[in-house]
Amino acid sequence: MADVFMQRVPRESNWTAKDFNAKSRQAMRELEKRVALFQRSNALNTYKIAQMANTFKWTLRDAGYEHQYVDDLTQWLVERVR
């Protein structure tokens, strides 16, 4: 999931806030689709959700995305998965 986000919203881009928000919303819509597909084929318990969220969060943080933004995005993802 983090890879999908990073492909759609590269960290190195010099976008305006408006452009970044638009790209981010597009990526989030794609993530929602992928989450729905993933949920159909995988049973997710609390542990698996936490493991997925942790991997997602640290992949984005290690790539250099802003910490608060990553935290908010991770929370959004967890809410969609539940």
PDB file of N, CA and C in Angstrom:
ATOM      1  N   MET A   1       0.815  -1.189   0.000  1.00  0.00           N
ATOM      2  CA  MET A   1       0.000   0.000   0.000  1.00  0.00           C
ATOM      3  C   MET A   1       0.868   1.265   0.000  1.00  0.00           C
ATOM      4  N   ALA A   2       1.915   1.235   0.781  1.00  0.00           N
ATOM      5  CA  ALA A   2       2.805   2.398   0.831  1.00  0.00           C
ATOM      6  C   ALA A   2       3.470   2.628  -0.522  1.00  0.00           C
ATOM      7  N   ASP A   3       3.805   1.542  -1.200  1.00  0.00           N
ATOM      8  CA  ASP A   3       4.425   1.674  -2.519  1.00  0.00           C
ATOM      9  C   ASP A   3       3.478   2.339  -3.515  1.00  0.00           C
ATOM     10  N   VAL A   4       2.212   1.974  -3.437  1.00  0.00           N
ATOM     11  CA  VAL A   4       1.207   2.591  -4.314  1.00  0.00           C
ATOM     12  C   VAL A   4       1.141   4.086  -4.040  1.00  0.00           C
ATOM     13  N   PHE A   5       1.114   4.451  -2.771  1.00  0.00           N
ATOM     14  CA  PHE A   5       1.058   5.869  -2.411  1.00  0.00           C
ATOM     15  C   PHE A   5       2.304   6.604  -2.899  1.00  0.00           C
ATOM     16  N   MET A   6       3.468   5.998  -2.692  1.00  0.00           N
ATOM     17  CA  MET A   6       4.717   6.660  -3.085  1.00  0.00           C
ATOM     18  C   MET A   6       4.835   6.812  -4.600  1.00  0.00           C
ATOM     19  N   GLN A   7       4.272   5.881  -5.354  1.00  0.00           N
ATOM     20  CA  GLN A   7       4.286   6.008  -6.808  1.00  0.00           C
ATOM     21  C   GLN A   7       3.378   7.141  -7.265  1.00  0.00           C
ATOM     22  N   ARG A   8       2.257   7.289  -6.608  1.00  0.00           N
ATOM     23  CA  ARG A   8       1.289   8.308  -7.015  1.00  0.00           C
ATOM     24  C   ARG A   8       1.628   9.694  -6.473  1.00  0.00           C
ATOM     25  N   VAL A   9       2.292   9.734  -5.317  1.00  0.00           N
ATOM     26  CA  VAL A   9       2.648  11.008  -4.688  1.00  0.00           C
ATOM     27  C   VAL A   9       4.130  10.962  -4.311  1.00  0.00           C
ATOM     28  N   PRO A  10       5.009  11.092  -5.292  1.00  0.00           N
ATOM     29  CA  PRO A  10       6.452  11.022  -4.990  1.00  0.00           C
ATOM     30  C   PRO A  10       6.895  12.136  -4.055  1.00  0.00           C
ATOM     31  N   ARG A  11       7.746  11.793  -3.146  1.00  0.00           N
ATOM     32  CA  ARG A  11       8.248  12.747  -2.140  1.00  0.00           C
ATOM     33  C   ARG A  11       9.099  13.830  -2.781  1.00  0.00           C
ATOM     34  N   GLU A  12       9.821  13.513  -3.820  1.00  0.00           N
ATOM     35  CA  GLU A  12      10.768  14.447  -4.417  1.00  0.00           C
ATOM     36  C   GLU A  12      10.123  15.553  -5.243  1.00  0.00           C
ATOM     37  N   SER A  13       8.837  15.443  -5.513  1.00  0.00           N
ATOM     38  CA  SER A  13       8.169  16.427  -6.371  1.00  0.00           C
ATOM     39  C   SER A  13       8.051  17.780  -5.682  1.00  0.00           C
ATOM     40  N   ASN A  14       8.164  18.828  -6.463  1.00  0.00           N
ATOM     41  CA  ASN A  14       8.044  20.191  -5.948  1.00  0.00           C
ATOM     42  C   ASN A  14       6.661  20.747  -6.274  1.00  0.00           C
ATOM     43  N   TRP A  15       5.637  20.136  -5.710  1.00  0.00           N
ATOM     44  CA  TRP A  15       4.274  20.550  -5.977  1.00  0.00           C
ATOM     45  C   TRP A  15       3.839  21.644  -5.030  1.00  0.00           C
ATOM     46  N   THR A  16       2.863  22.402  -5.489  1.00  0.00           N
ATOM     47  CA  THR A  16       2.211  23.346  -4.588  1.00  0.00           C
ATOM     48  C   THR A  16       1.347  22.536  -3.632  1.00  0.00           C
ATOM     49  N   ALA A  17       0.891  23.168  -2.580  1.00  0.00           N
ATOM     50  CA  ALA A  17       0.023  22.480  -1.609  1.00  0.00           C
ATOM     51  C   ALA A  17      -1.251  21.980  -2.285  1.00  0.00           C
ATOM     52  N   LYS A  18      -1.772  22.777  -3.210  1.00  0.00           N
ATOM     53  CA  LYS A  18      -2.995  22.390  -3.923  1.00  0.00           C
ATOM     54  C   LYS A  18      -2.751  21.139  -4.766  1.00  0.00           C
ATOM     55  N   ASP A  19      -1.657  21.107  -5.496  1.00  0.00           N
ATOM     56  CA  ASP A  19      -1.328  19.953  -6.323  1.00  0.00           C
ATOM     57  C   ASP A  19      -1.065  18.708  -5.474  1.00  0.00           C
ATOM     58  N   PHE A  20      -0.354  18.897  -4.367  1.00  0.00           N
ATOM     59  CA  PHE A  20      -0.075  17.779  -3.472  1.00  0.00           C
ATOM     60  C   PHE A  20      -1.369  17.203  -2.921  1.00  0.00           C
ATOM     61  N   ASN A  21      -2.280  18.064  -2.506  1.00  0.00           N
ATOM     62  CA  ASN A  21      -3.560  17.600  -1.965  1.00  0.00           C
ATOM     63  C   ASN A  21      -4.369  16.848  -3.013  1.00  0.00           C
ATOM     64  N   ALA A  22      -4.365  17.327  -4.244  1.00  0.00           N
ATOM     65  CA  ALA A  22      -5.096  16.652  -5.316  1.00  0.00           C
ATOM     66  C   ALA A  22      -4.502  15.276  -5.589  1.00  0.00           C
ATOM     67  N   LYS A  23      -3.190  15.196  -5.693  1.00  0.00           N
ATOM     68  CA  LYS A  23      -2.530  13.910  -5.930  1.00  0.00           C
ATOM     69  C   LYS A  23      -2.747  12.963  -4.757  1.00  0.00           C
ATOM     70  N   SER A  24      -2.703  13.508  -3.561  1.00  0.00           N
ATOM     71  CA  SER A  24      -2.910  12.702  -2.372  1.00  0.00           C
ATOM     72  C   SER A  24      -4.324  12.116  -2.346  1.00  0.00           C
ATOM     73  N   ARG A  25      -5.312  12.916  -2.679  1.00  0.00           N
ATOM     74  CA  ARG A  25      -6.706  12.421  -2.721  1.00  0.00           C
ATOM     75  C   ARG A  25      -6.857  11.316  -3.762  1.00  0.00           C
ATOM     76  N   GLN A  26      -6.223  11.479  -4.913  1.00  0.00           N
ATOM     77  CA  GLN A  26      -6.277  10.441  -5.949  1.00  0.00           C
ATOM     78  C   GLN A  26      -5.642   9.144  -5.438  1.00  0.00           C
ATOM     79  N   ALA A  27      -4.531   9.263  -4.766  1.00  0.00           N
ATOM     80  CA  ALA A  27      -3.854   8.085  -4.227  1.00  0.00           C
ATOM     81  C   ALA A  27      -4.707   7.410  -3.159  1.00  0.00           C
ATOM     82  N   MET A  28      -5.371   8.197  -2.351  1.00  0.00           N
ATOM     83  CA  MET A  28      -6.229   7.646  -1.308  1.00  0.00           C
ATOM     84  C   MET A  28      -7.419   6.903  -1.912  1.00  0.00           C
ATOM     85  N   ARG A  29      -7.961   7.397  -3.001  1.00  0.00           N
ATOM     86  CA  ARG A  29      -9.047   6.684  -3.677  1.00  0.00           C
ATOM     87  C   ARG A  29      -8.553   5.338  -4.203  1.00  0.00           C
ATOM     88  N   GLU A  30      -7.359   5.320  -4.746  1.00  0.00           N
ATOM     89  CA  GLU A  30      -6.775   4.069  -5.223  1.00  0.00           C
ATOM     90  C   GLU A  30      -6.527   3.113  -4.063  1.00  0.00           C
ATOM     91  N   LEU A  31      -6.044   3.635  -2.947  1.00  0.00           N
ATOM     92  CA  LEU A  31      -5.826   2.797  -1.773  1.00  0.00           C
ATOM     93  C   LEU A  31      -7.138   2.200  -1.270  1.00  0.00           C
ATOM     94  N   GLU A  32      -8.209   2.988  -1.297  1.00  0.00           N
ATOM     95  CA  GLU A  32      -9.521   2.473  -0.870  1.00  0.00           C
ATOM     96  C   GLU A  32      -9.936   1.284  -1.724  1.00  0.00           C
ATOM     97  N   LYS A  33      -9.724   1.373  -3.011  1.00  0.00           N
ATOM     98  CA  LYS A  33     -10.052   0.255  -3.911  1.00  0.00           C
ATOM     99  C   LYS A  33      -9.224  -0.974  -3.564  1.00  0.00           C
ATOM    100  N   ARG A  34      -7.942  -0.760  -3.345  1.00  0.00           N
ATOM    101  CA  ARG A  34      -7.055  -1.884  -3.038  1.00  0.00           C
ATOM    102  C   ARG A  34      -7.374  -2.499  -1.682  1.00  0.00           C
ATOM    103  N   VAL A  35      -7.749  -1.675  -0.723  1.00  0.00           N
ATOM    104  CA  VAL A  35      -8.140  -2.188   0.590  1.00  0.00           C
ATOM    105  C   VAL A  35      -9.374  -3.070   0.447  1.00  0.00           C
ATOM    106  N   ALA A  36     -10.349  -2.621  -0.325  1.00  0.00           N
ATOM    107  CA  ALA A  36     -11.569  -3.414  -0.521  1.00  0.00           C
ATOM    108  C   ALA A  36     -11.245  -4.762  -1.155  1.00  0.00           C
ATOM    109  N   LEU A  37     -10.391  -4.771  -2.166  1.00  0.00           N
ATOM    110  CA  LEU A  37      -9.991  -6.023  -2.800  1.00  0.00           C
ATOM    111  C   LEU A  37      -9.227  -6.925  -1.833  1.00  0.00           C
ATOM    112  N   PHE A  38      -8.352  -6.324  -1.062  1.00  0.00           N
ATOM    113  CA  PHE A  38      -7.550  -7.073  -0.098  1.00  0.00           C
ATOM    114  C   PHE A  38      -8.438  -7.709   0.961  1.00  0.00           C
ATOM    115  N   GLN A  39      -9.424  -6.971   1.440  1.00  0.00           N
ATOM    116  CA  GLN A  39     -10.310  -7.482   2.479  1.00  0.00           C
ATOM    117  C   GLN A  39     -11.130  -8.670   1.984  1.00  0.00           C
ATOM    118  N   ARG A  40     -11.486  -8.676   0.729  1.00  0.00           N
ATOM    119  CA  ARG A  40     -12.274  -9.786   0.180  1.00  0.00           C
ATOM    120  C   ARG A  40     -11.508 -11.095   0.205  1.00  0.00           C
ATOM    121  N   SER A  41     -10.212 -11.035   0.038  1.00  0.00           N
ATOM    122  CA  SER A  41      -9.430 -12.262  -0.054  1.00  0.00           C
ATOM    123  C   SER A  41      -8.612 -12.579   1.199  1.00  0.00           C
ATOM    124  N   ASN A  42      -8.624 -11.703   2.195  1.00  0.00           N
ATOM    125  CA  ASN A  42      -7.830 -11.917   3.407  1.00  0.00           C
ATOM    126  C   ASN A  42      -8.648 -11.605   4.651  1.00  0.00           C
ATOM    127  N   ALA A  43      -8.561 -12.493   5.625  1.00  0.00           N
ATOM    128  CA  ALA A  43      -9.183 -12.233   6.922  1.00  0.00           C
ATOM    129  C   ALA A  43      -8.208 -11.404   7.752  1.00  0.00           C
ATOM    130  N   LEU A  44      -8.645 -10.259   8.194  1.00  0.00           N
ATOM    131  CA  LEU A  44      -7.766  -9.361   8.945  1.00  0.00           C
ATOM    132  C   LEU A  44      -8.220  -9.277  10.401  1.00  0.00           C
ATOM    133  N   ASN A  45      -7.384  -9.754  11.296  1.00  0.00           N
ATOM    134  CA  ASN A  45      -7.659  -9.576  12.714  1.00  0.00           C
ATOM    135  C   ASN A  45      -6.901  -8.344  13.204  1.00  0.00           C
ATOM    136  N   THR A  46      -7.032  -8.047  14.462  1.00  0.00           N
ATOM    137  CA  THR A  46      -6.408  -6.841  15.021  1.00  0.00           C
ATOM    138  C   THR A  46      -4.898  -6.856  14.840  1.00  0.00           C
ATOM    139  N   TYR A  47      -4.273  -8.002  15.051  1.00  0.00           N
ATOM    140  CA  TYR A  47      -2.825  -8.108  14.902  1.00  0.00           C
ATOM    141  C   TYR A  47      -2.390  -7.819  13.463  1.00  0.00           C
ATOM    142  N   LYS A  48      -3.082  -8.395  12.505  1.00  0.00           N
ATOM    143  CA  LYS A  48      -2.715  -8.198  11.100  1.00  0.00           C
ATOM    144  C   LYS A  48      -2.925  -6.750  10.666  1.00  0.00           C
ATOM    145  N   ILE A  49      -3.977  -6.130  11.171  1.00  0.00           N
ATOM    146  CA  ILE A  49      -4.222  -4.723  10.852  1.00  0.00           C
ATOM    147  C   ILE A  49      -3.098  -3.863  11.429  1.00  0.00           C
ATOM    148  N   ALA A  50      -2.712  -4.134  12.673  1.00  0.00           N
ATOM    149  CA  ALA A  50      -1.630  -3.365  13.313  1.00  0.00           C
ATOM    150  C   ALA A  50      -0.308  -3.575  12.579  1.00  0.00           C
ATOM    151  N   GLN A  51      -0.044  -4.799  12.173  1.00  0.00           N
ATOM    152  CA  GLN A  51       1.182  -5.097  11.442  1.00  0.00           C
ATOM    153  C   GLN A  51       1.206  -4.357  10.098  1.00  0.00           C
ATOM    154  N   MET A  52       0.080  -4.369   9.383  1.00  0.00           N
ATOM    155  CA  MET A  52      -0.007  -3.673   8.105  1.00  0.00           C
ATOM    156  C   MET A  52       0.184  -2.167   8.300  1.00  0.00           C
ATOM    157  N   ALA A  53      -0.486  -1.610   9.318  1.00  0.00           N
ATOM    158  CA  ALA A  53      -0.389  -0.176   9.573  1.00  0.00           C
ATOM    159  C   ALA A  53       1.041   0.220   9.933  1.00  0.00           C
ATOM    160  N   ASN A  54       1.706  -0.582  10.729  1.00  0.00           N
ATOM    161  CA  ASN A  54       3.082  -0.286  11.122  1.00  0.00           C
ATOM    162  C   ASN A  54       4.018  -0.303   9.921  1.00  0.00           C
ATOM    163  N   THR A  55       3.862  -1.299   9.074  1.00  0.00           N
ATOM    164  CA  THR A  55       4.692  -1.382   7.866  1.00  0.00           C
ATOM    165  C   THR A  55       4.439  -0.197   6.952  1.00  0.00           C
ATOM    166  N   PHE A  56       3.169   0.148   6.759  1.00  0.00           N
ATOM    167  CA  PHE A  56       2.778   1.289   5.938  1.00  0.00           C
ATOM    168  C   PHE A  56       3.404   2.575   6.479  1.00  0.00           C
ATOM    169  N   LYS A  57       3.229   2.787   7.771  1.00  0.00           N
ATOM    170  CA  LYS A  57       3.717   4.010   8.417  1.00  0.00           C
ATOM    171  C   LYS A  57       5.236   4.156   8.284  1.00  0.00           C
ATOM    172  N   TRP A  58       5.973   3.112   8.603  1.00  0.00           N
ATOM    173  CA  TRP A  58       7.426   3.236   8.605  1.00  0.00           C
ATOM    174  C   TRP A  58       8.015   3.246   7.206  1.00  0.00           C
ATOM    175  N   THR A  59       7.337   2.652   6.265  1.00  0.00           N
ATOM    176  CA  THR A  59       7.806   2.742   4.879  1.00  0.00           C
ATOM    177  C   THR A  59       7.732   4.189   4.405  1.00  0.00           C
ATOM    178  N   LEU A  60       6.622   4.859   4.714  1.00  0.00           N
ATOM    179  CA  LEU A  60       6.471   6.263   4.304  1.00  0.00           C
ATOM    180  C   LEU A  60       7.403   7.181   5.086  1.00  0.00           C
ATOM    181  N   ARG A  61       7.549   6.931   6.380  1.00  0.00           N
ATOM    182  CA  ARG A  61       8.461   7.768   7.175  1.00  0.00           C
ATOM    183  C   ARG A  61       9.901   7.618   6.693  1.00  0.00           C
ATOM    184  N   ASP A  62      10.301   6.390   6.440  1.00  0.00           N
ATOM    185  CA  ASP A  62      11.671   6.155   5.959  1.00  0.00           C
ATOM    186  C   ASP A  62      11.901   6.786   4.586  1.00  0.00           C
ATOM    187  N   ALA A  63      10.831   6.945   3.818  1.00  0.00           N
ATOM    188  CA  ALA A  63      10.940   7.578   2.495  1.00  0.00           C
ATOM    189  C   ALA A  63      11.017   9.101   2.608  1.00  0.00           C
ATOM    190  N   GLY A  64      10.785   9.641   3.815  1.00  0.00           N
ATOM    191  CA  GLY A  64      10.951  11.076   4.015  1.00  0.00           C
ATOM    192  C   GLY A  64       9.672  11.894   4.059  1.00  0.00           C
ATOM    193  N   TYR A  65       8.521  11.256   4.104  1.00  0.00           N
ATOM    194  CA  TYR A  65       7.277  12.013   4.206  1.00  0.00           C
ATOM    195  C   TYR A  65       7.141  12.585   5.609  1.00  0.00           C
ATOM    196  N   GLU A  66       6.441  13.679   5.718  1.00  0.00           N
ATOM    197  CA  GLU A  66       6.263  14.382   6.989  1.00  0.00           C
ATOM    198  C   GLU A  66       5.591  13.451   8.010  1.00  0.00           C
ATOM    199  N   HIS A  67       6.103  13.434   9.221  1.00  0.00           N
ATOM    200  CA  HIS A  67       5.638  12.503  10.245  1.00  0.00           C
ATOM    201  C   HIS A  67       4.152  12.664  10.555  1.00  0.00           C
ATOM    202  N   GLN A  68       3.695  13.875  10.757  1.00  0.00           N
ATOM    203  CA  GLN A  68       2.280  14.072  11.099  1.00  0.00           C
ATOM    204  C   GLN A  68       1.375  13.637   9.950  1.00  0.00           C
ATOM    205  N   TYR A  69       1.789  13.932   8.736  1.00  0.00           N
ATOM    206  CA  TYR A  69       1.008  13.523   7.565  1.00  0.00           C
ATOM    207  C   TYR A  69       0.937  11.994   7.484  1.00  0.00           C
ATOM    208  N   VAL A  70       2.052  11.333   7.724  1.00  0.00           N
ATOM    209  CA  VAL A  70       2.091   9.868   7.695  1.00  0.00           C
ATOM    210  C   VAL A  70       1.201   9.293   8.794  1.00  0.00           C
ATOM    211  N   ASP A  71       1.254   9.879   9.977  1.00  0.00           N
ATOM    212  CA  ASP A  71       0.398   9.405  11.064  1.00  0.00           C
ATOM    213  C   ASP A  71      -1.076   9.534  10.700  1.00  0.00           C
ATOM    214  N   ASP A  72      -1.440  10.670  10.129  1.00  0.00           N
ATOM    215  CA  ASP A  72      -2.833  10.886   9.726  1.00  0.00           C
ATOM    216  C   ASP A  72      -3.244   9.917   8.622  1.00  0.00           C
ATOM    217  N   LEU A  73      -2.376   9.705   7.673  1.00  0.00           N
ATOM    218  CA  LEU A  73      -2.662   8.793   6.567  1.00  0.00           C
ATOM    219  C   LEU A  73      -2.778   7.351   7.073  1.00  0.00           C
ATOM    220  N   THR A  74      -1.933   6.977   8.002  1.00  0.00           N
ATOM    221  CA  THR A  74      -1.996   5.638   8.579  1.00  0.00           C
ATOM    222  C   THR A  74      -3.305   5.436   9.330  1.00  0.00           C
ATOM    223  N   GLN A  75      -3.702   6.433  10.089  1.00  0.00           N
ATOM    224  CA  GLN A  75      -4.976   6.354  10.810  1.00  0.00           C
ATOM    225  C   GLN A  75      -6.137   6.217   9.825  1.00  0.00           C
ATOM    226  N   TRP A  76      -6.092   6.971   8.749  1.00  0.00           N
ATOM    227  CA  TRP A  76      -7.119   6.881   7.713  1.00  0.00           C
ATOM    228  C   TRP A  76      -7.179   5.464   7.146  1.00  0.00           C
ATOM    229  N   LEU A  77      -6.023   4.880   6.872  1.00  0.00           N
ATOM    230  CA  LEU A  77      -5.959   3.536   6.321  1.00  0.00           C
ATOM    231  C   LEU A  77      -6.542   2.505   7.295  1.00  0.00           C
ATOM    232  N   VAL A  78      -6.195   2.618   8.554  1.00  0.00           N
ATOM    233  CA  VAL A  78      -6.707   1.685   9.564  1.00  0.00           C
ATOM    234  C   VAL A  78      -8.235   1.783   9.640  1.00  0.00           C
ATOM    235  N   GLU A  79      -8.751   2.979   9.592  1.00  0.00           N
ATOM    236  CA  GLU A  79     -10.220   3.156   9.626  1.00  0.00           C
ATOM    237  C   GLU A  79     -10.872   2.493   8.433  1.00  0.00           C
ATOM    238  N   ARG A  80     -10.239   2.532   7.274  1.00  0.00           N
ATOM    239  CA  ARG A  80     -10.813   1.909   6.069  1.00  0.00           C
ATOM    240  C   ARG A  80     -10.749   0.386   6.145  1.00  0.00           C
ATOM    241  N   VAL A  81      -9.708  -0.141   6.772  1.00  0.00           N
ATOM    242  CA  VAL A  81      -9.526  -1.581   6.844  1.00  0.00           C
ATOM    243  C   VAL A  81     -10.508  -2.215   7.833  1.00  0.00           C
ATOM    244  N   ARG A  82     -10.832  -1.513   8.894  1.00  0.00           N
ATOM    245  CA  ARG A  82     -11.738  -2.080   9.908  1.00  0.00           C
ATOM    246  C   ARG A  82     -13.080  -2.232   9.365  1.00  0.00           C
TER     247      ARG A  82
END
